[in-house]
Amino acid sequence: MKIYPLLRALLFQINPEYAHKLTLSAMRIAGEIRPINALLHSIYNAPHHPVHAFGLNFINPIGLAAGYDKDGQGWQGLACLGFGHIEIGTVTPQPQPGNPRPRLFRLPEEQALINRMGFPGMGSEFVLQQISIPRPKNLVLGVNIGKNKDTPLETAVQDYLYLLRLFADHADYLTINVSSPNTAGLRQLQKRQALEQLLRQLSEENRILTQITAHRIPILVKLSPDLTDAQLLDALEAILATHMDGVIATNTTISRDGVKSAKAHEDGGLSGVPLFQRSLTMVGKIQKFTNGKLPVIGVGGISDATGVQRMMDAGAILVQIYTGLVYEGPGLVKSILRELRT
C-alpha cells in the first residue's frame, strides 16, 4: 500500500501554506541529518538520463520549479528525491512578507493550485547563506530572482543587477522572473522595450563579472503563459538580441479556462494540470519562432512521464515540476525517470 495518499489526505486537512511549511521543514531536517539523507537517496535513487544544457551537465532532465523552496531551506533534502536540478526562489533583494493571507488554495478536483503569494521571503542575504555550502556533485542549483514589491518598475533593473552580482559565484544559473502575476506591474517588464533594456544591462554586467571571475553564469528568462503570439515574439526577440541562455515556459496563468472548482474565482496564478496544455503549446511556439535557437525548460502541469515526454517532444530540453509533487508525492521523479524514453 502506498503511504503518500494517506499522508496527503492528512496534509489536505491543514491550511495549504502551513502544510507546505511542514513538508519543507521535514525536507530541511532530512537533508541535514546524514543517515536520513542517505536513506532517502537509496529509496529514491533512479536511472540517469544525462542532459547538457546552458553549458551545464544535468544528471536527468527533471527539476524542481521555483516557488517550492523560496528561501533555500529545504534543497538538501529535496535533492534526495532524485531531481537533476532545483530552482530556489523567487528571491528578492530585501526580505518582504508577500501578499495578505490566505494566498494559497488547493483545487484537488483539478489537481491544481492557485497562489497569490507575492514573493514572500527572507531576502537575498539569507538565501545566500543557505546555498553557500557544499552540494551534491550531481545537483544543479539555480536561483530565480525578482524585484521587491516596493521597487518601482523604472528602477527594477537595479534589483536584478544586485541579485546577479550576489549570486553569480554561488548559483549554477539564474532565472529572471518577469512573469509572476502576483506582483503588481511585474509582467509589464515582458514588453519588448522594457525587457530588452533590462536584459541588455544584465548581459553587460554578466560580461564584466565573467572577465573578473573567469566564470560565466547562464541566465534564463521565465515567461508567462498568457502572452499573445505577438507579445511572445517580442519577448523572444528581446531575449535573442541580448544573448540570454534560455527560456523557462511557463509561469502560472491568470486564465481559468476549463476550471470548474469553486475556488476558481480566487485571484492569483493557476498551476497544475489545467496549465499543462497552455505551457506545452508555448514550448512548441518558442521552438518554432526561434528555429530551436533558444533552449527551453518546460514547466506547467507535469505529473507523469507522459507529460515529460510530450514537453520534450515539443522542444523542451529540461522540465520542472511543482504542483505535481504536491499531488503525486516524493516518488514522482523516480517514477518518471523509470518510464521515460531515453
Protein backbone atom coordinates (compact mmCIF):
# COMPACT_ATOMS: atom_id res chain seq x y z
CA MET A 1 0.00 0.00 0.00
CA LYS A 2 1.31 3.41 -0.93
CA ILE A 3 1.89 5.70 2.04
CA TYR A 4 1.72 9.08 0.31
CA PRO A 5 -2.04 9.09 -0.45
CA LEU A 6 -2.66 8.67 3.29
CA LEU A 7 -0.18 11.41 4.16
CA ARG A 8 -1.68 13.68 1.50
CA ALA A 9 -5.15 13.15 2.95
CA LEU A 10 -3.84 14.32 6.33
CA LEU A 11 -1.94 17.27 4.87
CA PHE A 12 -5.01 18.35 2.90
CA GLN A 13 -6.86 18.79 6.19
CA ILE A 14 -4.41 21.57 7.06
CA ASN A 15 -4.15 25.10 5.70
CA PRO A 16 -2.20 24.77 2.42
CA GLU A 17 0.53 27.25 3.30
CA TYR A 18 1.09 25.71 6.72
CA ALA A 19 1.12 22.20 5.23
CA HIS A 20 3.75 23.34 2.76
CA LYS A 21 5.88 24.75 5.58
CA LEU A 22 5.63 21.43 7.42
CA THR A 23 6.78 19.40 4.42
CA LEU A 24 9.57 21.85 3.63
CA SER A 25 10.75 21.73 7.26
CA ALA A 26 10.77 17.93 7.06
CA MET A 27 12.89 18.14 3.92
CA ARG A 28 15.27 20.56 5.62
CA ILE A 29 15.75 18.26 8.59
CA ALA A 30 16.12 15.20 6.35
CA GLY A 31 18.79 16.96 4.33
CA GLU A 32 20.80 17.96 7.38
CA ILE A 33 20.84 14.55 9.09
CA ARG A 34 23.28 12.37 7.17
CA PRO A 35 21.72 8.91 7.85
CA ILE A 36 18.27 10.16 6.77
CA ASN A 37 19.80 11.85 3.75
CA ALA A 38 21.48 8.61 2.74
CA LEU A 39 18.29 6.62 3.32
CA LEU A 40 16.26 8.92 1.11
CA HIS A 41 18.89 8.73 -1.61
CA SER A 42 18.71 4.93 -1.53
CA ILE A 43 14.90 4.91 -1.65
CA TYR A 44 14.52 7.43 -4.45
CA ASN A 45 17.58 6.52 -6.50
CA ALA A 46 16.56 6.50 -10.15
CA PRO A 47 18.06 5.82 -13.59
CA HIS A 48 20.24 8.56 -15.04
CA HIS A 49 19.14 10.40 -18.18
CA PRO A 50 22.03 12.86 -18.70
CA VAL A 51 21.34 16.20 -20.39
CA HIS A 52 23.73 19.01 -21.36
CA ALA A 53 22.15 22.45 -21.48
CA PHE A 54 23.25 26.08 -20.96
CA GLY A 55 26.81 24.82 -20.59
CA LEU A 56 25.78 22.68 -17.60
CA ASN A 57 25.57 18.93 -17.10
CA PHE A 58 22.34 17.59 -15.63
CA ILE A 59 22.09 14.05 -14.33
CA ASN A 60 18.50 13.93 -15.57
CA PRO A 61 16.01 16.36 -17.14
CA ILE A 62 13.67 16.66 -14.13
CA GLY A 63 13.92 19.78 -11.98
CA LEU A 64 12.00 21.34 -9.12
CA ALA A 65 10.43 24.64 -10.16
CA ALA A 66 10.89 27.89 -8.28
CA GLY A 67 8.27 28.59 -5.64
CA TYR A 68 8.58 25.35 -3.71
CA ASP A 69 11.73 26.27 -1.78
CA LYS A 70 11.64 30.06 -1.83
CA ASP A 71 14.41 30.65 0.71
CA GLY A 72 16.69 27.70 0.00
CA GLN A 73 15.97 25.98 3.31
CA GLY A 74 14.98 22.53 2.08
CA TRP A 75 17.03 21.94 -1.05
CA GLN A 76 19.40 19.41 0.55
CA GLY A 77 16.52 17.12 1.44
CA LEU A 78 14.68 17.76 -1.81
CA ALA A 79 17.83 16.78 -3.72
CA CYS A 80 17.47 13.30 -2.23
CA LEU A 81 14.25 12.80 -4.21
CA GLY A 82 16.15 12.42 -7.47
CA PHE A 83 15.96 15.89 -9.02
CA GLY A 84 18.58 16.77 -11.60
CA HIS A 85 18.22 20.42 -10.70
CA ILE A 86 16.46 22.57 -8.13
CA GLU A 87 15.50 26.19 -8.61
CA ILE A 88 15.42 28.31 -5.45
CA GLY A 89 13.24 31.41 -5.17
CA THR A 90 11.82 33.69 -6.25
CA VAL A 91 14.43 35.69 -4.27
CA THR A 92 14.19 39.45 -3.81
CA PRO A 93 17.00 41.75 -2.62
CA GLN A 94 15.30 42.62 0.68
CA PRO A 95 13.03 40.49 2.88
CA GLN A 96 9.33 41.03 2.33
CA PRO A 97 6.13 39.49 3.73
CA GLY A 98 4.33 38.95 0.43
CA ASN A 99 0.61 39.36 -0.06
CA PRO A 100 -2.00 39.03 2.72
CA ARG A 101 -3.18 35.55 3.73
CA PRO A 102 -4.94 33.39 2.65
CA ARG A 103 -2.89 33.30 -0.53
CA LEU A 104 -2.57 29.61 -1.44
CA PHE A 105 -5.52 27.42 -2.45
CA ARG A 106 -5.88 23.76 -3.41
CA LEU A 107 -8.16 22.62 -6.23
CA PRO A 108 -7.98 18.84 -5.71
CA GLU A 109 -10.61 18.00 -8.32
CA GLU A 110 -8.43 19.79 -10.88
CA GLN A 111 -5.07 18.64 -9.43
CA ALA A 112 -4.21 22.32 -9.33
CA LEU A 113 -3.19 25.17 -7.06
CA ILE A 114 -3.89 28.88 -7.09
CA ASN A 115 -1.37 31.14 -5.39
CA ARG A 116 -1.05 34.86 -4.91
CA MET A 117 2.00 34.70 -2.67
CA GLY A 118 3.71 37.85 -3.96
CA PHE A 119 7.35 36.78 -3.45
CA PRO A 120 7.36 36.38 0.35
CA GLY A 121 10.84 35.60 1.58
CA MET A 122 13.76 36.18 3.88
CA GLY A 123 15.71 38.15 1.31
CA SER A 124 18.83 37.58 -0.73
CA GLU A 125 21.43 37.59 2.05
CA PHE A 126 19.57 34.85 3.90
CA VAL A 127 19.28 32.73 0.75
CA LEU A 128 22.96 33.23 0.01
CA GLN A 129 23.81 31.70 3.39
CA GLN A 130 21.55 28.72 2.69
CA ILE A 131 23.19 27.82 -0.61
CA SER A 132 26.81 28.68 0.25
CA ILE A 133 27.53 25.15 1.42
CA PRO A 134 28.82 22.09 -0.43
CA ARG A 135 26.21 20.47 -2.63
CA PRO A 136 25.95 17.02 -4.21
CA LYS A 137 28.18 16.85 -7.27
CA ASN A 138 25.27 15.78 -9.49
CA LEU A 139 22.92 18.59 -8.45
CA VAL A 140 22.48 21.78 -10.48
CA LEU A 141 21.19 24.62 -8.29
CA GLY A 142 19.50 27.61 -9.89
CA VAL A 143 18.23 30.82 -8.31
CA ASN A 144 15.11 32.58 -9.55
CA ILE A 145 15.30 36.34 -8.96
CA GLY A 146 12.73 39.14 -8.88
CA LYS A 147 12.26 42.71 -7.77
CA ASN A 148 10.92 43.80 -4.39
CA LYS A 149 7.27 44.83 -4.36
CA ASP A 150 8.06 48.44 -3.46
CA THR A 151 10.74 48.83 -6.15
CA PRO A 152 9.32 50.97 -8.99
CA LEU A 153 9.38 49.39 -12.45
CA GLU A 154 11.58 52.26 -13.61
CA THR A 155 14.38 51.15 -11.28
CA ALA A 156 13.66 47.41 -11.23
CA VAL A 157 16.88 46.72 -13.12
CA GLN A 158 18.85 47.72 -10.02
CA ASP A 159 17.25 44.88 -8.04
CA TYR A 160 18.11 42.37 -10.75
CA LEU A 161 21.66 43.67 -11.12
CA TYR A 162 22.21 43.44 -7.38
CA LEU A 163 21.00 39.85 -7.33
CA LEU A 164 23.13 38.92 -10.35
CA ARG A 165 26.24 40.23 -8.62
CA LEU A 166 25.33 38.49 -5.36
CA PHE A 167 24.61 35.04 -6.76
CA ALA A 168 26.93 34.89 -9.79
CA ASP A 169 29.54 32.85 -7.90
CA HIS A 170 27.11 30.76 -5.85
CA ALA A 171 24.37 29.55 -8.21
CA ASP A 172 24.76 27.38 -11.31
CA TYR A 173 22.27 29.51 -13.25
CA LEU A 174 19.90 32.43 -12.69
CA THR A 175 16.32 32.86 -13.84
CA ILE A 176 14.89 36.32 -14.43
CA ASN A 177 11.30 36.34 -13.19
CA VAL A 178 9.30 38.99 -15.04
CA SER A 179 6.18 36.86 -15.37
CA SER A 180 4.61 36.31 -11.95
CA PRO A 181 1.02 37.59 -11.89
CA ASN A 182 1.22 38.25 -8.15
CA THR A 183 3.46 41.35 -8.03
CA ALA A 184 1.65 44.40 -9.37
CA GLY A 185 3.04 45.57 -12.70
CA LEU A 186 5.79 42.95 -12.93
CA ARG A 187 4.52 41.49 -16.19
CA GLN A 188 4.99 44.89 -17.81
CA LEU A 189 8.68 44.00 -17.89
CA GLN A 190 7.91 41.35 -20.53
CA LYS A 191 7.15 44.06 -23.11
CA ARG A 192 9.76 44.30 -25.86
CA GLN A 193 11.40 47.62 -24.98
CA ALA A 194 11.33 47.14 -21.20
CA LEU A 195 12.56 43.55 -21.43
CA GLU A 196 15.37 44.37 -23.84
CA GLN A 197 16.56 47.26 -21.66
CA LEU A 198 16.54 45.04 -18.59
CA LEU A 199 18.26 42.09 -20.22
CA ARG A 200 20.84 44.19 -22.04
CA GLN A 201 22.06 45.65 -18.75
CA LEU A 202 22.13 42.21 -17.16
CA SER A 203 24.03 40.81 -20.13
CA GLU A 204 26.62 43.57 -19.92
CA GLU A 205 27.02 43.11 -16.18
CA ASN A 206 27.39 39.38 -16.67
CA ARG A 207 30.12 40.02 -19.25
CA ILE A 208 32.01 42.21 -16.78
CA LEU A 209 31.65 39.66 -13.98
CA THR A 210 32.88 36.92 -16.30
CA GLN A 211 36.04 38.90 -17.06
CA ILE A 212 36.69 39.34 -13.34
CA THR A 213 35.93 35.80 -12.17
CA ALA A 214 36.60 33.75 -15.33
CA HIS A 215 33.24 32.12 -14.66
CA ARG A 216 30.11 32.91 -16.64
CA ILE A 217 26.72 32.14 -15.12
CA PRO A 218 23.92 31.23 -17.55
CA ILE A 219 20.85 33.49 -17.41
CA LEU A 220 17.37 32.26 -18.32
CA VAL A 221 14.10 34.20 -18.62
CA LYS A 222 10.80 32.87 -17.29
CA LEU A 223 7.80 33.83 -19.39
CA SER A 224 4.06 34.00 -18.78
CA PRO A 225 1.68 31.52 -20.44
CA ASP A 226 -0.74 34.39 -21.01
CA LEU A 227 1.28 36.14 -23.73
CA THR A 228 -0.30 36.52 -27.13
CA ASP A 229 1.71 35.32 -30.12
CA ALA A 230 2.74 38.90 -30.88
CA GLN A 231 3.82 39.50 -27.28
CA LEU A 232 5.73 36.21 -27.22
CA LEU A 233 7.54 37.10 -30.43
CA ASP A 234 8.51 40.48 -28.99
CA ALA A 235 9.81 38.86 -25.80
CA LEU A 236 11.76 36.22 -27.71
CA GLU A 237 13.34 38.85 -29.96
CA ALA A 238 14.49 40.74 -26.86
CA ILE A 239 15.86 37.54 -25.33
CA LEU A 240 17.74 36.61 -28.50
CA ALA A 241 19.04 40.14 -29.04
CA THR A 242 20.56 40.21 -25.55
CA HIS A 243 22.07 36.72 -25.80
CA MET A 244 20.23 35.14 -22.91
CA ASP A 245 20.91 31.44 -22.45
CA GLY A 246 17.38 30.08 -22.47
CA VAL A 247 13.72 30.35 -21.56
CA ILE A 248 11.51 28.78 -18.91
CA ALA A 249 7.98 28.23 -20.21
CA THR A 250 5.91 28.88 -18.26
CA ASN A 251 4.95 30.67 -15.07
CA THR A 252 1.43 30.35 -13.65
CA THR A 253 -1.64 31.59 -15.54
CA ILE A 254 -4.41 34.02 -14.70
CA SER A 255 -6.69 32.12 -17.09
CA ARG A 256 -9.37 29.84 -15.65
CA ASP A 257 -10.37 28.18 -18.91
CA GLY A 258 -11.99 24.82 -18.19
CA VAL A 259 -11.55 25.11 -14.42
CA LYS A 260 -14.77 24.23 -12.62
CA SER A 261 -13.61 24.31 -8.99
CA ALA A 262 -15.47 26.54 -6.54
CA LYS A 263 -12.12 28.18 -5.82
CA ALA A 264 -11.57 29.18 -9.45
CA HIS A 265 -12.62 32.74 -8.59
CA GLU A 266 -9.63 33.27 -6.31
CA ASP A 267 -7.12 35.80 -7.64
CA GLY A 268 -3.64 34.58 -8.39
CA GLY A 269 -1.69 32.27 -10.65
CA LEU A 270 -3.05 28.84 -11.50
CA SER A 271 -0.68 25.88 -11.67
CA GLY A 272 -1.18 22.17 -12.12
CA VAL A 273 -2.96 20.01 -14.67
CA PRO A 274 -5.12 22.80 -16.19
CA LEU A 275 -1.93 24.67 -17.12
CA PHE A 276 -0.31 21.79 -18.99
CA GLN A 277 -1.72 22.29 -22.48
CA ARG A 278 -1.14 26.04 -22.36
CA SER A 279 2.53 25.56 -21.35
CA LEU A 280 3.02 22.73 -23.84
CA THR A 281 1.70 24.93 -26.65
CA MET A 282 4.05 27.74 -25.65
CA VAL A 283 7.06 25.42 -25.63
CA GLY A 284 6.18 24.43 -29.19
CA LYS A 285 5.77 28.06 -30.25
CA ILE A 286 9.12 29.05 -28.79
CA GLN A 287 10.77 26.19 -30.65
CA LYS A 288 9.07 27.26 -33.88
CA PHE A 289 9.55 31.03 -33.53
CA THR A 290 13.27 30.72 -32.72
CA ASN A 291 14.07 27.76 -35.02
CA GLY A 292 15.35 25.94 -31.96
CA LYS A 293 17.93 28.63 -31.13
CA LEU A 294 16.76 29.01 -27.53
CA PRO A 295 16.92 26.07 -25.12
CA VAL A 296 13.62 25.74 -23.26
CA ILE A 297 12.71 24.37 -19.85
CA GLY A 298 9.08 23.23 -19.94
CA VAL A 299 7.04 23.64 -16.78
CA GLY A 300 3.34 23.59 -16.01
CA GLY A 301 1.03 20.73 -15.08
CA ILE A 302 3.54 17.88 -15.44
CA SER A 303 2.59 14.95 -13.25
CA ASP A 304 3.88 11.84 -15.06
CA ALA A 305 6.33 10.52 -17.64
CA THR A 306 3.84 11.08 -20.45
CA GLY A 307 3.73 14.79 -19.64
CA VAL A 308 7.52 14.97 -19.56
CA GLN A 309 7.82 13.16 -22.87
CA ARG A 310 5.25 15.43 -24.54
CA MET A 311 7.13 18.51 -23.31
CA MET A 312 10.41 17.16 -24.64
CA ASP A 313 8.84 16.13 -27.94
CA ALA A 314 7.55 19.72 -28.23
CA GLY A 315 11.10 21.03 -27.86
CA ALA A 316 11.89 21.27 -24.14
CA ILE A 317 15.41 20.21 -23.23
CA LEU A 318 14.55 20.05 -19.50
CA VAL A 319 11.35 20.13 -17.47
CA GLN A 320 10.34 21.25 -13.99
CA ILE A 321 7.60 20.12 -11.63
CA TYR A 322 5.96 21.65 -8.56
CA THR A 323 2.20 21.08 -8.23
CA GLY A 324 2.64 17.50 -9.44
CA LEU A 325 4.88 16.86 -6.43
CA VAL A 326 2.10 18.07 -4.11
CA TYR A 327 -0.45 15.67 -5.59
CA GLU A 328 1.75 12.70 -6.53
CA GLY A 329 4.29 12.74 -3.70
CA PRO A 330 8.05 12.32 -3.27
CA GLY A 331 8.32 9.28 -5.54
CA LEU A 332 7.28 11.25 -8.62
CA VAL A 333 10.78 11.91 -10.01
CA LYS A 334 11.80 8.27 -9.69
CA SER A 335 8.55 7.13 -11.27
CA ILE A 336 9.02 9.48 -14.23
CA LEU A 337 12.64 8.53 -14.83
CA ARG A 338 11.84 4.81 -14.79
CA GLU A 339 9.26 5.26 -17.55
CA LEU A 340 10.97 7.96 -19.60
CA ARG A 341 12.24 7.06 -23.05
CA THR A 342 15.96 7.54 -23.50
